[in-house]
Amino acid sequence: MDGKKALYYAAIAIAVLVGVSVVVSVVSAILGLVSAVVSGIVSLAVLAGIVYVAYKAGSWLLGDGEDSIGTDSLDSIGSGSSTSVGTSSSRQDRLREQYVEGRISEDEFERRIGEELETEALDDIDRELERER
């Protein structure tokens, strides 16, 4: 083999090595970018989950959540305890809100309002009897 052919093959080998090196570098850069984007999305999702859980826990601890409203209205309506007119009115308002928001059906709303009105009437009778004593 003469010197010209050896230099020719050496130049081709060097060009192929440089080309492969460039392709590997580009692929590596693209994979690094994709990895950074996916990592950012996952981090934001985890942060959003933590914020949501903290909000729900705070609402639950402070009693401001929807679940506590529904539970309060069910417990207080079924208890039959004597309450003031303002409290029973707020119970009726909560029932109306639950019905409007679609959390209870029309039949359930009517049944609970009926129970609330009966409880309110019984409370009025109890208060009248207490006044007479």
C-alpha atoms as a PDB file:
ATOM      1  CA  MET A   1       0.000   0.000   0.000  1.00  0.00           C
ATOM      2  CA  ASP A   2       1.431   3.361  -0.866  1.00  0.00           C
ATOM      3  CA  GLY A   3       1.528   6.430   1.352  1.00  0.00           C
ATOM      4  CA  LYS A   4      -1.304   8.286  -0.416  1.00  0.00           C
ATOM      5  CA  LYS A   5      -3.805   5.478   0.145  1.00  0.00           C
ATOM      6  CA  ALA A   6      -2.807   5.213   3.828  1.00  0.00           C
ATOM      7  CA  LEU A   7      -3.331   8.959   4.333  1.00  0.00           C
ATOM      8  CA  TYR A   8      -6.657   8.730   2.472  1.00  0.00           C
ATOM      9  CA  TYR A   9      -7.917   5.901   4.707  1.00  0.00           C
ATOM     10  CA  ALA A  10      -6.627   7.657   7.824  1.00  0.00           C
ATOM     11  CA  ALA A  11      -8.508  10.846   6.858  1.00  0.00           C
ATOM     12  CA  ILE A  12     -11.710   8.848   6.260  1.00  0.00           C
ATOM     13  CA  ALA A  13     -11.325   7.103   9.636  1.00  0.00           C
ATOM     14  CA  ILE A  14     -10.792  10.433  11.412  1.00  0.00           C
ATOM     15  CA  ALA A  15     -13.844  11.945   9.626  1.00  0.00           C
ATOM     16  CA  VAL A  16     -16.006   8.961  10.645  1.00  0.00           C
ATOM     17  CA  LEU A  17     -14.825   9.229  14.270  1.00  0.00           C
ATOM     18  CA  VAL A  18     -15.560  12.984  14.318  1.00  0.00           C
ATOM     19  CA  GLY A  19     -18.997  12.354  12.754  1.00  0.00           C
ATOM     20  CA  VAL A  20     -19.860   9.655  15.285  1.00  0.00           C
ATOM     21  CA  SER A  21     -18.646  11.902  18.092  1.00  0.00           C
ATOM     22  CA  VAL A  22     -20.887  14.760  16.876  1.00  0.00           C
ATOM     23  CA  VAL A  23     -23.929  12.451  16.579  1.00  0.00           C
ATOM     24  CA  VAL A  24     -23.359  11.020  20.069  1.00  0.00           C
ATOM     25  CA  SER A  25     -22.976  14.543  21.495  1.00  0.00           C
ATOM     26  CA  VAL A  26     -26.211  15.741  19.853  1.00  0.00           C
ATOM     27  CA  VAL A  27     -28.156  12.680  21.040  1.00  0.00           C
ATOM     28  CA  SER A  28     -26.727  13.118  24.537  1.00  0.00           C
ATOM     29  CA  ALA A  29     -27.726  16.805  24.582  1.00  0.00           C
ATOM     30  CA  ILE A  30     -31.278  15.959  23.429  1.00  0.00           C
ATOM     31  CA  LEU A  31     -31.622  13.246  26.071  1.00  0.00           C
ATOM     32  CA  GLY A  32     -30.325  15.645  28.731  1.00  0.00           C
ATOM     33  CA  LEU A  33     -32.883  18.263  27.677  1.00  0.00           C
ATOM     34  CA  VAL A  34     -35.727  15.723  27.707  1.00  0.00           C
ATOM     35  CA  SER A  35     -34.577  14.511  31.107  1.00  0.00           C
ATOM     36  CA  ALA A  36     -34.545  18.079  32.457  1.00  0.00           C
ATOM     37  CA  VAL A  37     -38.063  18.771  31.121  1.00  0.00           C
ATOM     38  CA  VAL A  38     -39.469  15.519  32.544  1.00  0.00           C
ATOM     39  CA  SER A  39     -37.759  16.187  35.867  1.00  0.00           C
ATOM     40  CA  GLY A  40     -39.265  19.679  35.988  1.00  0.00           C
ATOM     41  CA  ILE A  41     -42.770  18.391  35.212  1.00  0.00           C
ATOM     42  CA  VAL A  42     -42.495  15.676  37.868  1.00  0.00           C
ATOM     43  CA  SER A  43     -41.218  18.208  40.417  1.00  0.00           C
ATOM     44  CA  LEU A  44     -44.122  20.556  39.700  1.00  0.00           C
ATOM     45  CA  ALA A  45     -46.617  17.689  39.962  1.00  0.00           C
ATOM     46  CA  VAL A  46     -45.190  16.609  43.318  1.00  0.00           C
ATOM     47  CA  LEU A  47     -45.221  20.210  44.566  1.00  0.00           C
ATOM     48  CA  ALA A  48     -48.840  20.633  43.434  1.00  0.00           C
ATOM     49  CA  GLY A  49     -49.753  17.407  45.246  1.00  0.00           C
ATOM     50  CA  ILE A  50     -48.074  18.573  48.442  1.00  0.00           C
ATOM     51  CA  VAL A  51     -49.852  21.941  48.273  1.00  0.00           C
ATOM     52  CA  TYR A  52     -53.197  20.215  47.655  1.00  0.00           C
ATOM     53  CA  VAL A  53     -52.718  17.829  50.580  1.00  0.00           C
ATOM     54  CA  ALA A  54     -51.655  20.720  52.834  1.00  0.00           C
ATOM     55  CA  TYR A  55     -54.739  22.716  51.783  1.00  0.00           C
ATOM     56  CA  LYS A  56     -57.095  19.783  52.401  1.00  0.00           C
ATOM     57  CA  ALA A  57     -55.447  19.016  55.749  1.00  0.00           C
ATOM     58  CA  GLY A  58     -55.748  22.661  56.773  1.00  0.00           C
ATOM     59  CA  SER A  59     -59.388  22.765  55.694  1.00  0.00           C
ATOM     60  CA  TRP A  60     -60.095  19.578  57.587  1.00  0.00           C
ATOM     61  CA  LEU A  61     -58.314  20.774  60.727  1.00  0.00           C
ATOM     62  CA  LEU A  62     -60.059  24.139  60.645  1.00  0.00           C
ATOM     63  CA  GLY A  63     -63.429  22.602  59.787  1.00  0.00           C
ATOM     64  CA  ASP A  64     -63.826  24.641  56.588  1.00  0.00           C
ATOM     65  CA  GLY A  65     -64.021  21.709  54.148  1.00  0.00           C
ATOM     66  CA  GLU A  66     -67.117  20.564  52.256  1.00  0.00           C
ATOM     67  CA  ASP A  67     -67.064  17.265  54.111  1.00  0.00           C
ATOM     68  CA  SER A  68     -67.486  18.998  57.455  1.00  0.00           C
ATOM     69  CA  ILE A  69     -70.496  20.972  56.172  1.00  0.00           C
ATOM     70  CA  GLY A  70     -72.259  17.840  54.993  1.00  0.00           C
ATOM     71  CA  THR A  71     -71.484  15.983  58.204  1.00  0.00           C
ATOM     72  CA  ASP A  72     -72.589  18.882  60.406  1.00  0.00           C
ATOM     73  CA  SER A  73     -75.918  19.181  58.649  1.00  0.00           C
ATOM     74  CA  LEU A  74     -76.580  15.436  58.838  1.00  0.00           C
ATOM     75  CA  ASP A  75     -75.585  15.192  62.488  1.00  0.00           C
ATOM     76  CA  SER A  76     -77.478  18.243  63.619  1.00  0.00           C
ATOM     77  CA  ILE A  77     -80.665  17.404  61.729  1.00  0.00           C
ATOM     78  CA  GLY A  78     -80.829  13.856  63.012  1.00  0.00           C
ATOM     79  CA  SER A  79     -79.937  14.706  66.589  1.00  0.00           C
ATOM     80  CA  GLY A  80     -83.210  16.382  67.547  1.00  0.00           C
ATOM     81  CA  SER A  81     -81.447  18.735  69.939  1.00  0.00           C
ATOM     82  CA  SER A  82     -82.998  22.104  70.681  1.00  0.00           C
ATOM     83  CA  THR A  83     -81.439  24.948  68.750  1.00  0.00           C
ATOM     84  CA  SER A  84     -82.109  28.573  68.086  1.00  0.00           C
ATOM     85  CA  VAL A  85     -83.959  29.766  64.996  1.00  0.00           C
ATOM     86  CA  GLY A  86     -80.741  31.249  63.548  1.00  0.00           C
ATOM     87  CA  THR A  87     -78.965  27.907  63.736  1.00  0.00           C
ATOM     88  CA  SER A  88     -81.794  25.986  62.088  1.00  0.00           C
ATOM     89  CA  SER A  89     -81.961  28.639  59.390  1.00  0.00           C
ATOM     90  CA  SER A  90     -78.255  28.158  58.704  1.00  0.00           C
ATOM     91  CA  ARG A  91     -78.836  24.396  58.515  1.00  0.00           C
ATOM     92  CA  GLN A  92     -81.540  25.014  55.927  1.00  0.00           C
ATOM     93  CA  ASP A  93     -79.160  27.288  54.022  1.00  0.00           C
ATOM     94  CA  ARG A  94     -76.499  24.565  54.042  1.00  0.00           C
ATOM     95  CA  LEU A  95     -79.039  22.043  52.752  1.00  0.00           C
ATOM     96  CA  ARG A  96     -80.012  24.465  49.975  1.00  0.00           C
ATOM     97  CA  GLU A  97     -76.335  24.906  49.055  1.00  0.00           C
ATOM     98  CA  GLN A  98     -75.804  21.147  48.962  1.00  0.00           C
ATOM     99  CA  TYR A  99     -78.851  20.730  46.717  1.00  0.00           C
ATOM    100  CA  VAL A 100     -77.801  23.547  44.373  1.00  0.00           C
ATOM    101  CA  GLU A 101     -74.251  22.146  44.145  1.00  0.00           C
ATOM    102  CA  GLY A 102     -75.681  18.725  43.293  1.00  0.00           C
ATOM    103  CA  ARG A 103     -74.300  16.940  46.343  1.00  0.00           C
ATOM    104  CA  ILE A 104     -77.779  15.724  47.359  1.00  0.00           C
ATOM    105  CA  SER A 105     -80.805  14.797  45.243  1.00  0.00           C
ATOM    106  CA  GLU A 106     -84.129  16.616  45.232  1.00  0.00           C
ATOM    107  CA  ASP A 107     -85.798  13.813  47.209  1.00  0.00           C
ATOM    108  CA  GLU A 108     -82.997  13.857  49.797  1.00  0.00           C
ATOM    109  CA  PHE A 109     -83.231  17.665  50.022  1.00  0.00           C
ATOM    110  CA  GLU A 110     -87.007  17.551  50.567  1.00  0.00           C
ATOM    111  CA  ARG A 111     -86.676  14.799  53.169  1.00  0.00           C
ATOM    112  CA  ARG A 112     -83.984  16.674  55.122  1.00  0.00           C
ATOM    113  CA  ILE A 113     -85.822  20.023  54.925  1.00  0.00           C
ATOM    114  CA  GLY A 114     -88.956  18.254  56.181  1.00  0.00           C
ATOM    115  CA  GLU A 115     -87.021  16.779  59.082  1.00  0.00           C
ATOM    116  CA  GLU A 116     -85.487  20.177  59.822  1.00  0.00           C
ATOM    117  CA  LEU A 117     -88.889  21.881  59.826  1.00  0.00           C
ATOM    118  CA  GLU A 118     -90.303  19.177  62.129  1.00  0.00           C
ATOM    119  CA  THR A 119     -87.326  19.556  64.462  1.00  0.00           C
ATOM    120  CA  GLU A 120     -87.759  23.328  64.415  1.00  0.00           C
ATOM    121  CA  ALA A 121     -91.480  23.003  65.256  1.00  0.00           C
ATOM    122  CA  LEU A 122     -90.704  20.622  68.128  1.00  0.00           C
ATOM    123  CA  ASP A 123     -88.046  23.007  69.399  1.00  0.00           C
ATOM    124  CA  ASP A 124     -90.566  25.856  69.357  1.00  0.00           C
ATOM    125  CA  ILE A 125     -93.017  23.737  71.367  1.00  0.00           C
ATOM    126  CA  ASP A 126     -90.275  22.821  73.854  1.00  0.00           C
ATOM    127  CA  ARG A 127     -89.350  26.499  74.286  1.00  0.00           C
ATOM    128  CA  GLU A 128     -93.000  27.435  74.871  1.00  0.00           C
ATOM    129  CA  LEU A 129     -93.356  24.704  77.486  1.00  0.00           C
ATOM    130  CA  GLU A 130     -90.184  25.918  79.207  1.00  0.00           C
ATOM    131  CA  ARG A 131     -91.531  29.482  79.308  1.00  0.00           C
ATOM    132  CA  GLU A 132     -94.804  28.322  80.839  1.00  0.00           C
ATOM    133  CA  ARG A 133     -92.997  26.477  83.663  1.00  0.00           C
END
